[in-house]
N, C-alpha and C. Protein backbone atom coordinates (compact mmCIF):
# COMPACT_ATOMS: atom_id res chain seq x y z
N UNK A 1 8.85 0.05 20.85
CA UNK A 1 8.03 0.33 19.67
C UNK A 1 7.56 1.77 19.72
N UNK A 2 7.63 2.46 18.64
CA UNK A 2 7.29 3.87 18.63
C UNK A 2 5.79 4.07 18.50
N UNK A 3 5.34 5.28 18.85
CA UNK A 3 3.92 5.59 18.72
C UNK A 3 3.49 5.52 17.26
N UNK A 4 4.39 5.91 16.34
CA UNK A 4 4.06 5.86 14.92
C UNK A 4 3.79 4.43 14.49
N UNK A 5 4.65 3.51 14.91
CA UNK A 5 4.45 2.11 14.53
C UNK A 5 3.16 1.57 15.14
N UNK A 6 2.88 1.92 16.42
CA UNK A 6 1.65 1.46 17.04
C UNK A 6 0.44 1.90 16.23
N UNK A 7 0.45 3.14 15.76
CA UNK A 7 -0.68 3.66 15.00
C UNK A 7 -0.84 2.93 13.68
N UNK A 8 0.28 2.55 13.07
CA UNK A 8 0.22 1.90 11.77
C UNK A 8 -0.39 0.51 11.85
N UNK A 9 -0.26 -0.15 12.97
CA UNK A 9 -0.72 -1.53 13.07
C UNK A 9 -1.81 -1.69 14.11
N UNK A 10 -2.65 -0.69 14.27
CA UNK A 10 -3.68 -0.71 15.30
C UNK A 10 -4.98 -1.33 14.82
N UNK A 11 -5.10 -1.66 13.55
CA UNK A 11 -6.32 -2.25 13.01
C UNK A 11 -6.02 -3.60 12.37
N UNK A 12 -7.05 -4.46 12.21
CA UNK A 12 -6.82 -5.74 11.54
C UNK A 12 -6.25 -5.56 10.14
N UNK A 13 -6.75 -4.59 9.38
CA UNK A 13 -6.27 -4.39 8.01
C UNK A 13 -4.81 -3.97 7.98
N UNK A 14 -4.42 -3.09 8.92
CA UNK A 14 -3.03 -2.64 8.97
C UNK A 14 -2.10 -3.78 9.37
N UNK A 15 -2.55 -4.62 10.30
CA UNK A 15 -1.74 -5.77 10.72
C UNK A 15 -1.55 -6.74 9.56
N UNK A 16 -2.62 -6.98 8.80
CA UNK A 16 -2.51 -7.87 7.64
C UNK A 16 -1.55 -7.29 6.61
N UNK A 17 -1.63 -5.99 6.37
CA UNK A 17 -0.73 -5.34 5.42
C UNK A 17 0.72 -5.48 5.84
N UNK A 18 0.96 -5.41 7.15
CA UNK A 18 2.32 -5.55 7.67
C UNK A 18 2.87 -6.94 7.38
N UNK A 19 2.04 -7.96 7.55
CA UNK A 19 2.50 -9.33 7.30
C UNK A 19 2.68 -9.60 5.81
N UNK A 20 1.79 -9.08 4.99
CA UNK A 20 1.93 -9.23 3.53
C UNK A 20 3.22 -8.57 3.05
N UNK A 21 3.48 -7.36 3.52
CA UNK A 21 4.70 -6.65 3.13
C UNK A 21 5.94 -7.39 3.60
N UNK A 22 5.87 -7.93 4.82
CA UNK A 22 7.01 -8.68 5.35
C UNK A 22 7.30 -9.92 4.55
N UNK A 23 6.24 -10.63 4.12
CA UNK A 23 6.45 -11.82 3.31
C UNK A 23 7.08 -11.47 1.97
N UNK A 24 6.69 -10.34 1.39
CA UNK A 24 7.30 -9.90 0.13
C UNK A 24 8.79 -9.62 0.33
N UNK A 25 9.15 -8.95 1.42
CA UNK A 25 10.58 -8.68 1.69
C UNK A 25 11.34 -9.99 1.83
N UNK A 26 10.74 -10.97 2.51
CA UNK A 26 11.37 -12.27 2.70
C UNK A 26 11.61 -12.97 1.36
N UNK A 27 10.59 -13.02 0.52
CA UNK A 27 10.70 -13.71 -0.77
C UNK A 27 11.72 -13.04 -1.67
N UNK A 28 11.76 -11.73 -1.66
CA UNK A 28 12.67 -11.01 -2.55
C UNK A 28 14.07 -10.84 -1.97
N UNK A 29 14.30 -11.46 -0.81
CA UNK A 29 15.65 -11.43 -0.24
C UNK A 29 16.06 -10.08 0.30
N UNK A 30 15.06 -9.28 0.76
CA UNK A 30 15.36 -7.96 1.31
C UNK A 30 14.77 -7.81 2.70
N UNK A 31 15.08 -8.73 3.61
CA UNK A 31 14.51 -8.63 4.96
C UNK A 31 14.99 -7.37 5.67
N UNK A 32 14.11 -6.80 6.46
CA UNK A 32 14.41 -5.59 7.21
C UNK A 32 14.93 -5.93 8.60
N UNK A 33 14.53 -7.08 9.11
CA UNK A 33 14.84 -7.40 10.50
C UNK A 33 15.72 -8.64 10.60
N UNK A 34 16.46 -8.72 11.69
CA UNK A 34 17.26 -9.89 12.00
C UNK A 34 17.21 -10.15 13.49
N UNK A 35 17.91 -11.13 13.94
CA UNK A 35 17.92 -11.46 15.35
C UNK A 35 19.05 -10.71 16.04
N UNK A 36 18.82 -9.42 16.18
CA UNK A 36 19.80 -8.50 16.76
C UNK A 36 19.49 -8.31 18.23
N UNK A 37 20.47 -8.56 19.09
CA UNK A 37 20.23 -8.48 20.53
C UNK A 37 19.80 -7.08 20.95
N UNK A 38 20.23 -6.07 20.21
CA UNK A 38 19.82 -4.70 20.55
C UNK A 38 18.32 -4.52 20.35
N UNK A 39 17.79 -5.14 19.31
CA UNK A 39 16.34 -5.06 19.09
C UNK A 39 15.59 -5.83 20.18
N UNK A 40 16.17 -6.94 20.61
CA UNK A 40 15.54 -7.71 21.69
C UNK A 40 15.50 -6.89 22.97
N UNK A 41 16.60 -6.23 23.28
CA UNK A 41 16.68 -5.44 24.50
C UNK A 41 15.70 -4.26 24.47
N UNK A 42 15.47 -3.73 23.27
CA UNK A 42 14.59 -2.56 23.15
C UNK A 42 13.15 -2.89 23.51
N UNK A 43 12.77 -4.16 23.44
CA UNK A 43 11.40 -4.54 23.77
C UNK A 43 11.30 -5.24 25.12
N UNK A 44 12.38 -5.26 25.86
CA UNK A 44 12.42 -6.05 27.10
C UNK A 44 11.42 -5.58 28.14
N UNK A 45 11.09 -4.30 28.15
CA UNK A 45 10.22 -3.77 29.20
C UNK A 45 8.74 -3.71 28.81
N UNK A 46 8.40 -4.19 27.64
CA UNK A 46 7.00 -4.17 27.23
C UNK A 46 6.85 -4.59 25.79
N UNK A 47 5.62 -4.93 25.44
CA UNK A 47 5.36 -5.37 24.07
C UNK A 47 4.00 -4.89 23.62
N UNK A 48 3.89 -4.66 22.35
CA UNK A 48 2.60 -4.32 21.74
C UNK A 48 2.52 -4.98 20.37
N UNK A 49 2.40 -6.32 20.34
CA UNK A 49 2.35 -7.02 19.06
C UNK A 49 1.08 -6.70 18.30
N UNK A 50 1.17 -6.69 16.97
CA UNK A 50 -0.02 -6.41 16.17
C UNK A 50 -0.78 -7.66 15.77
N UNK A 51 -0.10 -8.82 15.81
CA UNK A 51 -0.74 -10.06 15.34
C UNK A 51 -0.32 -11.25 16.18
N UNK A 52 -1.18 -12.25 16.18
CA UNK A 52 -0.78 -13.57 16.66
C UNK A 52 -0.83 -14.50 15.46
N UNK A 53 0.26 -15.20 15.22
CA UNK A 53 0.34 -16.14 14.10
C UNK A 53 0.37 -17.55 14.67
N UNK A 54 -0.61 -18.35 14.27
CA UNK A 54 -0.72 -19.74 14.70
C UNK A 54 -0.27 -20.63 13.56
N UNK A 55 0.78 -21.41 13.80
CA UNK A 55 1.32 -22.25 12.74
C UNK A 55 1.66 -23.64 13.20
N UNK A 56 2.26 -24.38 12.29
CA UNK A 56 2.69 -25.76 12.54
C UNK A 56 4.08 -25.75 13.20
N UNK A 57 4.44 -26.88 13.81
CA UNK A 57 5.76 -26.98 14.44
C UNK A 57 6.87 -27.23 13.43
N UNK A 58 6.53 -27.40 12.17
CA UNK A 58 7.53 -27.74 11.14
C UNK A 58 8.72 -26.78 11.16
N UNK A 59 9.92 -27.34 11.20
CA UNK A 59 11.14 -26.53 11.32
C UNK A 59 11.44 -25.71 10.07
N UNK A 60 10.76 -26.03 8.97
CA UNK A 60 10.98 -25.30 7.72
C UNK A 60 10.11 -24.04 7.61
N UNK A 61 9.32 -23.78 8.65
CA UNK A 61 8.38 -22.66 8.60
C UNK A 61 8.59 -21.74 9.81
N UNK A 62 9.73 -21.03 9.87
CA UNK A 62 9.97 -20.09 10.98
C UNK A 62 9.12 -18.84 10.77
N UNK A 63 8.09 -18.68 11.55
CA UNK A 63 7.06 -17.68 11.27
C UNK A 63 7.58 -16.24 11.32
N UNK A 64 8.45 -15.92 12.28
CA UNK A 64 9.00 -14.57 12.32
C UNK A 64 9.80 -14.26 11.06
N UNK A 65 10.47 -15.28 10.52
CA UNK A 65 11.30 -15.07 9.33
C UNK A 65 10.47 -14.91 8.06
N UNK A 66 9.48 -15.77 7.87
CA UNK A 66 8.75 -15.73 6.60
C UNK A 66 7.87 -14.48 6.49
N UNK A 67 7.58 -13.85 7.63
CA UNK A 67 6.86 -12.57 7.62
C UNK A 67 7.79 -11.39 7.91
N UNK A 68 9.07 -11.66 8.06
CA UNK A 68 10.07 -10.62 8.31
C UNK A 68 9.60 -9.66 9.41
N UNK A 69 9.40 -10.21 10.60
CA UNK A 69 8.94 -9.42 11.74
C UNK A 69 10.00 -9.39 12.82
N UNK A 70 10.11 -8.26 13.49
CA UNK A 70 11.13 -8.08 14.50
C UNK A 70 10.59 -8.44 15.89
N UNK A 71 11.44 -8.33 16.90
CA UNK A 71 11.05 -8.60 18.28
C UNK A 71 9.86 -7.71 18.66
N UNK A 72 8.88 -8.30 19.31
CA UNK A 72 7.75 -7.53 19.81
C UNK A 72 6.65 -7.29 18.80
N UNK A 73 6.82 -7.76 17.55
CA UNK A 73 5.82 -7.49 16.51
C UNK A 73 4.69 -8.51 16.47
N UNK A 74 5.04 -9.80 16.62
CA UNK A 74 4.01 -10.83 16.54
C UNK A 74 4.18 -11.84 17.68
N UNK A 75 3.05 -12.34 18.15
CA UNK A 75 3.06 -13.50 19.03
C UNK A 75 2.98 -14.73 18.13
N UNK A 76 3.63 -15.80 18.54
CA UNK A 76 3.65 -17.03 17.76
C UNK A 76 3.18 -18.18 18.62
N UNK A 77 2.24 -18.96 18.09
CA UNK A 77 1.78 -20.18 18.74
C UNK A 77 1.88 -21.30 17.72
N UNK A 78 2.33 -22.49 18.16
CA UNK A 78 2.55 -23.56 17.21
C UNK A 78 2.14 -24.91 17.80
N UNK A 79 1.63 -25.77 16.93
CA UNK A 79 1.36 -27.16 17.26
C UNK A 79 1.37 -27.93 15.94
N UNK A 80 1.37 -29.25 16.01
CA UNK A 80 1.35 -30.03 14.79
C UNK A 80 0.13 -29.69 13.95
N UNK A 81 0.36 -29.18 12.72
CA UNK A 81 -0.71 -28.78 11.81
C UNK A 81 -1.67 -27.80 12.47
N UNK A 82 -1.14 -26.95 13.33
CA UNK A 82 -1.88 -25.94 14.10
C UNK A 82 -3.17 -26.48 14.72
N UNK A 83 -3.11 -27.73 15.22
CA UNK A 83 -4.25 -28.32 15.91
C UNK A 83 -4.49 -27.55 17.21
N UNK A 84 -5.74 -27.21 17.46
CA UNK A 84 -6.09 -26.43 18.64
C UNK A 84 -6.32 -27.33 19.86
N UNK A 85 -5.95 -26.80 21.02
CA UNK A 85 -6.34 -27.40 22.28
C UNK A 85 -6.63 -26.26 23.26
N UNK A 86 -6.96 -26.55 24.49
CA UNK A 86 -7.34 -25.51 25.45
C UNK A 86 -6.21 -24.53 25.70
N UNK A 87 -4.98 -25.04 25.73
CA UNK A 87 -3.83 -24.18 25.99
C UNK A 87 -3.65 -23.15 24.88
N UNK A 88 -3.74 -23.61 23.64
CA UNK A 88 -3.57 -22.70 22.50
C UNK A 88 -4.72 -21.69 22.44
N UNK A 89 -5.94 -22.15 22.65
CA UNK A 89 -7.08 -21.24 22.61
C UNK A 89 -6.96 -20.20 23.71
N UNK A 90 -6.54 -20.64 24.89
CA UNK A 90 -6.34 -19.68 25.98
C UNK A 90 -5.24 -18.68 25.68
N UNK A 91 -4.18 -19.14 25.05
CA UNK A 91 -3.07 -18.25 24.70
C UNK A 91 -3.51 -17.21 23.67
N UNK A 92 -4.29 -17.65 22.69
CA UNK A 92 -4.77 -16.73 21.67
C UNK A 92 -5.71 -15.70 22.28
N UNK A 93 -6.60 -16.15 23.16
CA UNK A 93 -7.50 -15.23 23.85
C UNK A 93 -6.70 -14.21 24.66
N UNK A 94 -5.64 -14.66 25.31
CA UNK A 94 -4.80 -13.76 26.11
C UNK A 94 -4.16 -12.71 25.21
N UNK A 95 -3.65 -13.14 24.05
CA UNK A 95 -3.00 -12.19 23.14
C UNK A 95 -3.97 -11.12 22.67
N UNK A 96 -5.21 -11.51 22.45
CA UNK A 96 -6.22 -10.54 22.01
C UNK A 96 -6.64 -9.63 23.15
N UNK A 97 -6.98 -10.23 24.30
CA UNK A 97 -7.54 -9.46 25.41
C UNK A 97 -6.50 -8.63 26.14
N UNK A 98 -5.32 -9.18 26.35
CA UNK A 98 -4.33 -8.52 27.20
C UNK A 98 -3.23 -7.81 26.41
N UNK A 99 -2.86 -8.35 25.26
CA UNK A 99 -1.79 -7.74 24.48
C UNK A 99 -2.31 -6.87 23.34
N UNK A 100 -3.59 -7.00 23.04
CA UNK A 100 -4.21 -6.12 22.06
C UNK A 100 -3.92 -6.43 20.61
N UNK A 101 -3.59 -7.68 20.29
CA UNK A 101 -3.36 -8.00 18.88
C UNK A 101 -4.66 -7.80 18.10
N UNK A 102 -4.56 -7.34 16.87
CA UNK A 102 -5.75 -7.09 16.07
C UNK A 102 -5.95 -8.10 14.94
N UNK A 103 -4.99 -9.02 14.79
CA UNK A 103 -5.10 -10.06 13.76
C UNK A 103 -4.64 -11.40 14.32
N UNK A 104 -5.44 -12.43 14.08
CA UNK A 104 -5.04 -13.81 14.37
C UNK A 104 -4.97 -14.51 13.02
N UNK A 105 -3.77 -14.93 12.64
CA UNK A 105 -3.55 -15.56 11.34
C UNK A 105 -3.17 -17.02 11.52
N UNK A 106 -3.97 -17.90 10.93
CA UNK A 106 -3.69 -19.35 10.95
C UNK A 106 -2.90 -19.70 9.70
N UNK A 107 -1.71 -20.25 9.88
CA UNK A 107 -0.83 -20.54 8.73
C UNK A 107 -0.57 -22.04 8.62
N UNK A 108 -1.09 -22.63 7.55
CA UNK A 108 -0.72 -23.99 7.21
C UNK A 108 0.41 -23.95 6.19
N UNK A 109 0.91 -25.11 5.81
CA UNK A 109 2.00 -25.12 4.82
C UNK A 109 1.93 -26.36 3.97
N UNK A 110 2.42 -26.24 2.76
CA UNK A 110 2.42 -27.38 1.84
C UNK A 110 3.33 -28.49 2.37
N UNK A 111 2.99 -29.71 1.98
CA UNK A 111 3.73 -30.92 2.40
C UNK A 111 3.81 -31.03 3.92
N UNK A 112 2.69 -30.79 4.57
CA UNK A 112 2.63 -30.89 6.03
C UNK A 112 2.66 -32.36 6.45
N UNK A 113 3.64 -32.73 7.26
CA UNK A 113 3.79 -34.12 7.67
C UNK A 113 2.63 -34.64 8.49
N UNK A 114 2.08 -33.80 9.37
CA UNK A 114 0.97 -34.24 10.21
C UNK A 114 -0.28 -34.51 9.38
N UNK A 115 -0.55 -33.65 8.40
CA UNK A 115 -1.71 -33.86 7.54
C UNK A 115 -1.51 -35.11 6.68
N UNK A 116 -0.31 -35.26 6.13
CA UNK A 116 -0.04 -36.45 5.31
C UNK A 116 -0.18 -37.73 6.13
N UNK A 117 0.33 -37.70 7.38
CA UNK A 117 0.22 -38.88 8.24
C UNK A 117 -1.24 -39.22 8.53
N UNK A 118 -2.06 -38.19 8.64
CA UNK A 118 -3.49 -38.42 8.87
C UNK A 118 -4.14 -39.06 7.65
N UNK A 119 -3.80 -38.57 6.47
CA UNK A 119 -4.32 -39.17 5.23
C UNK A 119 -3.94 -40.64 5.16
N UNK A 120 -2.67 -40.94 5.42
CA UNK A 120 -2.20 -42.33 5.35
C UNK A 120 -2.85 -43.19 6.42
N UNK A 121 -3.04 -42.65 7.62
CA UNK A 121 -3.67 -43.41 8.70
C UNK A 121 -5.12 -43.74 8.37
N UNK A 122 -5.84 -42.77 7.81
CA UNK A 122 -7.24 -43.01 7.47
C UNK A 122 -7.36 -43.99 6.31
N UNK A 123 -6.44 -43.91 5.38
CA UNK A 123 -6.47 -44.87 4.26
C UNK A 123 -6.17 -46.28 4.73
N UNK A 124 -5.24 -46.39 5.70
CA UNK A 124 -4.84 -47.71 6.19
C UNK A 124 -5.77 -48.23 7.28
N UNK A 125 -6.53 -47.34 7.88
CA UNK A 125 -7.41 -47.74 8.97
C UNK A 125 -6.66 -48.02 10.25
N UNK A 126 -5.46 -47.47 10.39
CA UNK A 126 -4.65 -47.69 11.59
C UNK A 126 -3.88 -46.43 11.92
N UNK A 127 -3.93 -46.03 13.19
CA UNK A 127 -3.24 -44.82 13.64
C UNK A 127 -1.87 -45.19 14.20
N UNK A 128 -0.80 -44.49 13.79
CA UNK A 128 0.53 -44.78 14.34
C UNK A 128 0.53 -44.68 15.86
N UNK A 129 0.94 -45.74 16.54
CA UNK A 129 0.98 -45.73 18.00
C UNK A 129 -0.35 -46.05 18.65
N UNK A 130 -1.39 -46.24 17.85
CA UNK A 130 -2.71 -46.56 18.41
C UNK A 130 -3.59 -45.35 18.59
N UNK A 131 -4.90 -45.58 18.71
CA UNK A 131 -5.88 -44.50 18.79
C UNK A 131 -5.70 -43.60 20.00
N UNK A 132 -5.15 -44.15 21.09
CA UNK A 132 -5.02 -43.36 22.32
C UNK A 132 -3.67 -42.68 22.44
N UNK A 133 -2.81 -42.80 21.44
CA UNK A 133 -1.49 -42.18 21.49
C UNK A 133 -1.61 -40.68 21.23
N UNK A 134 -0.56 -39.90 21.59
CA UNK A 134 -0.58 -38.48 21.25
C UNK A 134 -0.74 -38.22 19.77
N UNK A 135 -0.13 -39.06 18.93
CA UNK A 135 -0.29 -38.92 17.49
C UNK A 135 -1.74 -39.20 17.10
N UNK A 136 -2.36 -40.13 17.80
CA UNK A 136 -3.76 -40.43 17.55
C UNK A 136 -4.65 -39.22 17.78
N UNK A 137 -4.30 -38.40 18.76
CA UNK A 137 -5.06 -37.18 19.01
C UNK A 137 -4.98 -36.24 17.81
N UNK A 138 -3.78 -36.09 17.25
CA UNK A 138 -3.62 -35.25 16.07
C UNK A 138 -4.44 -35.78 14.90
N UNK A 139 -4.40 -37.10 14.70
CA UNK A 139 -5.16 -37.70 13.60
C UNK A 139 -6.65 -37.44 13.78
N UNK A 140 -7.13 -37.60 15.00
CA UNK A 140 -8.56 -37.36 15.27
C UNK A 140 -8.94 -35.92 14.95
N UNK A 141 -8.08 -34.98 15.31
CA UNK A 141 -8.38 -33.56 15.10
C UNK A 141 -8.28 -33.17 13.63
N UNK A 142 -7.40 -33.83 12.89
CA UNK A 142 -7.20 -33.50 11.48
C UNK A 142 -8.11 -34.28 10.54
N UNK A 143 -8.69 -35.36 11.03
CA UNK A 143 -9.51 -36.23 10.19
C UNK A 143 -10.66 -35.50 9.49
N UNK A 144 -11.38 -34.59 10.16
CA UNK A 144 -12.50 -33.92 9.46
C UNK A 144 -12.06 -33.17 8.21
N UNK A 145 -10.90 -32.51 8.26
CA UNK A 145 -10.40 -31.79 7.08
C UNK A 145 -10.06 -32.75 5.96
N UNK A 146 -9.46 -33.90 6.31
CA UNK A 146 -9.11 -34.90 5.30
C UNK A 146 -10.37 -35.50 4.70
N UNK A 147 -11.33 -35.82 5.54
CA UNK A 147 -12.57 -36.42 5.05
C UNK A 147 -13.36 -35.44 4.19
N UNK A 148 -13.20 -34.17 4.46
CA UNK A 148 -13.88 -33.15 3.66
C UNK A 148 -13.42 -33.17 2.21
N UNK A 149 -12.13 -33.40 1.99
CA UNK A 149 -11.62 -33.41 0.61
C UNK A 149 -11.71 -34.80 -0.02
N UNK A 150 -11.76 -35.85 0.83
CA UNK A 150 -11.92 -37.21 0.30
C UNK A 150 -10.61 -37.96 0.18
N UNK A 151 -10.58 -39.17 0.70
CA UNK A 151 -9.37 -39.98 0.68
C UNK A 151 -9.00 -40.45 -0.72
N UNK A 152 -9.98 -40.51 -1.62
CA UNK A 152 -9.70 -41.01 -2.96
C UNK A 152 -8.97 -39.99 -3.82
N UNK A 153 -8.95 -38.75 -3.40
CA UNK A 153 -8.27 -37.69 -4.17
C UNK A 153 -6.76 -37.87 -4.04
N UNK A 154 -6.06 -37.92 -5.18
CA UNK A 154 -4.61 -38.13 -5.12
C UNK A 154 -3.88 -36.93 -4.51
N UNK A 155 -4.52 -35.78 -4.51
CA UNK A 155 -3.95 -34.59 -3.88
C UNK A 155 -4.59 -34.32 -2.52
N UNK A 156 -5.06 -35.38 -1.88
CA UNK A 156 -5.79 -35.23 -0.62
C UNK A 156 -4.98 -34.47 0.44
N UNK A 157 -3.69 -34.77 0.54
CA UNK A 157 -2.88 -34.13 1.58
C UNK A 157 -2.80 -32.62 1.38
N UNK A 158 -2.53 -32.19 0.15
CA UNK A 158 -2.40 -30.76 -0.11
C UNK A 158 -3.73 -30.04 0.02
N UNK A 159 -4.80 -30.66 -0.45
CA UNK A 159 -6.12 -30.04 -0.32
C UNK A 159 -6.57 -30.00 1.14
N UNK A 160 -6.18 -31.03 1.90
CA UNK A 160 -6.56 -31.06 3.31
C UNK A 160 -5.83 -29.99 4.11
N UNK A 161 -4.62 -29.62 3.70
CA UNK A 161 -3.90 -28.53 4.37
C UNK A 161 -4.75 -27.27 4.33
N UNK A 162 -5.25 -26.94 3.16
CA UNK A 162 -6.09 -25.74 3.00
C UNK A 162 -7.39 -25.87 3.79
N UNK A 163 -8.03 -27.05 3.69
CA UNK A 163 -9.28 -27.26 4.42
C UNK A 163 -9.07 -27.15 5.92
N UNK A 164 -7.93 -27.62 6.39
CA UNK A 164 -7.64 -27.56 7.82
C UNK A 164 -7.42 -26.13 8.30
N UNK A 165 -6.78 -25.31 7.48
CA UNK A 165 -6.61 -23.89 7.82
C UNK A 165 -7.98 -23.23 7.95
N UNK A 166 -8.85 -23.48 6.99
CA UNK A 166 -10.18 -22.88 7.01
C UNK A 166 -10.97 -23.33 8.23
N UNK A 167 -10.90 -24.62 8.54
CA UNK A 167 -11.62 -25.15 9.69
C UNK A 167 -11.09 -24.55 11.00
N UNK A 168 -9.77 -24.42 11.11
CA UNK A 168 -9.20 -23.85 12.33
C UNK A 168 -9.63 -22.41 12.50
N UNK A 169 -9.59 -21.63 11.42
CA UNK A 169 -10.02 -20.23 11.50
C UNK A 169 -11.48 -20.13 11.88
N UNK A 170 -12.32 -20.98 11.30
CA UNK A 170 -13.75 -20.96 11.62
C UNK A 170 -13.98 -21.31 13.09
N UNK A 171 -13.23 -22.26 13.59
CA UNK A 171 -13.39 -22.64 15.00
C UNK A 171 -12.98 -21.49 15.91
N UNK A 172 -11.90 -20.80 15.57
CA UNK A 172 -11.46 -19.69 16.40
C UNK A 172 -12.47 -18.54 16.39
N UNK A 173 -13.11 -18.33 15.26
CA UNK A 173 -14.09 -17.23 15.17
C UNK A 173 -15.27 -17.44 16.11
N UNK A 174 -15.50 -18.68 16.54
CA UNK A 174 -16.62 -18.99 17.42
C UNK A 174 -16.22 -19.03 18.89
N UNK A 175 -14.93 -18.84 19.19
CA UNK A 175 -14.46 -18.92 20.59
C UNK A 175 -14.97 -17.71 21.37
N UNK A 176 -15.58 -17.93 22.54
CA UNK A 176 -16.02 -16.80 23.36
C UNK A 176 -14.85 -15.85 23.64
N UNK A 177 -15.10 -14.58 23.57
CA UNK A 177 -14.04 -13.58 23.71
C UNK A 177 -13.56 -13.14 22.34
N UNK A 178 -13.11 -14.10 21.54
CA UNK A 178 -12.70 -13.77 20.17
C UNK A 178 -13.91 -13.37 19.34
N UNK A 179 -15.01 -14.11 19.49
CA UNK A 179 -16.21 -13.82 18.70
C UNK A 179 -16.70 -12.40 18.94
N UNK A 180 -16.67 -11.96 20.20
CA UNK A 180 -17.13 -10.62 20.52
C UNK A 180 -16.19 -9.56 19.95
N UNK A 181 -14.89 -9.83 20.02
CA UNK A 181 -13.91 -8.89 19.48
C UNK A 181 -14.04 -8.77 17.96
N UNK A 182 -14.32 -9.90 17.31
CA UNK A 182 -14.52 -9.89 15.86
C UNK A 182 -15.77 -9.11 15.51
N UNK A 183 -16.85 -9.36 16.24
CA UNK A 183 -18.11 -8.67 15.97
C UNK A 183 -17.97 -7.15 16.14
N UNK A 184 -17.09 -6.74 17.06
CA UNK A 184 -16.86 -5.32 17.29
C UNK A 184 -15.89 -4.69 16.31
N UNK A 185 -15.34 -5.51 15.40
CA UNK A 185 -14.42 -4.99 14.39
C UNK A 185 -13.01 -4.75 14.89
N UNK A 186 -12.70 -5.20 16.10
CA UNK A 186 -11.37 -4.95 16.66
C UNK A 186 -10.36 -6.01 16.25
N UNK A 187 -10.84 -7.20 15.92
CA UNK A 187 -9.96 -8.33 15.61
C UNK A 187 -10.46 -9.03 14.36
N UNK A 188 -9.52 -9.52 13.57
CA UNK A 188 -9.84 -10.36 12.42
C UNK A 188 -9.12 -11.69 12.57
N UNK A 189 -9.81 -12.78 12.21
CA UNK A 189 -9.19 -14.10 12.15
C UNK A 189 -9.13 -14.50 10.68
N UNK A 190 -7.96 -14.83 10.19
CA UNK A 190 -7.78 -15.16 8.78
C UNK A 190 -6.89 -16.39 8.64
N UNK A 191 -6.83 -16.92 7.43
CA UNK A 191 -6.01 -18.09 7.16
C UNK A 191 -5.04 -17.87 6.02
N UNK A 192 -4.00 -18.70 5.96
CA UNK A 192 -2.99 -18.58 4.92
C UNK A 192 -2.28 -19.92 4.76
N UNK A 193 -1.65 -20.10 3.60
CA UNK A 193 -0.88 -21.31 3.33
C UNK A 193 0.50 -20.90 2.81
N UNK A 194 1.54 -21.46 3.42
CA UNK A 194 2.93 -21.16 3.06
C UNK A 194 3.45 -22.18 2.07
N UNK A 195 4.10 -21.69 1.02
CA UNK A 195 4.71 -22.55 0.00
C UNK A 195 6.18 -22.76 0.35
N UNK A 196 6.55 -23.98 0.67
CA UNK A 196 7.92 -24.29 1.09
C UNK A 196 8.93 -23.99 -0.01
N UNK A 197 8.54 -24.12 -1.26
CA UNK A 197 9.47 -23.97 -2.37
C UNK A 197 9.74 -22.51 -2.72
N UNK A 198 8.69 -21.70 -2.77
CA UNK A 198 8.85 -20.32 -3.21
C UNK A 198 9.01 -19.32 -2.07
N UNK A 199 8.52 -19.67 -0.88
CA UNK A 199 8.55 -18.74 0.24
C UNK A 199 7.32 -17.85 0.31
N UNK A 200 6.46 -17.91 -0.70
CA UNK A 200 5.27 -17.07 -0.70
C UNK A 200 4.22 -17.59 0.27
N UNK A 201 3.52 -16.66 0.90
CA UNK A 201 2.36 -16.98 1.71
C UNK A 201 1.11 -16.60 0.92
N UNK A 202 0.23 -17.56 0.74
CA UNK A 202 -1.06 -17.28 0.08
C UNK A 202 -2.08 -16.97 1.17
N UNK A 203 -2.62 -15.78 1.16
CA UNK A 203 -3.63 -15.38 2.13
C UNK A 203 -4.99 -15.78 1.59
N UNK A 204 -5.74 -16.56 2.37
CA UNK A 204 -7.01 -17.09 1.92
C UNK A 204 -8.12 -16.06 2.11
N UNK A 205 -9.14 -16.11 1.24
CA UNK A 205 -10.26 -15.17 1.35
C UNK A 205 -10.98 -15.31 2.69
């Protein structure tokens, strides 16, 4: 990575601009980057990513692609519906403290299977595999976002996706280490929702 590029993405605002521009290139079919082994080799001896993007495990949401980012540009962390646990929180803290990322972006997506499964489980009063199953853990973590929008809402799943992004971002803003970096203006935590049909990423206020 060149010194010029480092300077361009050294602030939270610049990192956000980079992701917004990359999403536009992706949607308009003009990606700048690909999975070129030469680009991979160029970053083999070090990295200076500008952002960490936390997303869902859904195979339809390849985060490097939808933001058109090359090797060494972003760190990626994923779990079902971007549910947080100690490992993910530790990884995000590491990216901020040790790798110097200036933006942490939480990305949900429309028609999220984990969120929909949580809505259905709460409506039915039964968790797939039982309350103590791994899926039960996801349901427990996602339930507050679903309950916030209300089970009676016919669009509960889609509204809960957005609510879950907001809740995850708020939780991260309170994490020790991240909170101090945010207060100092060095890091921003933001949320976004990806549209599976159009390819657009909506960046939340």
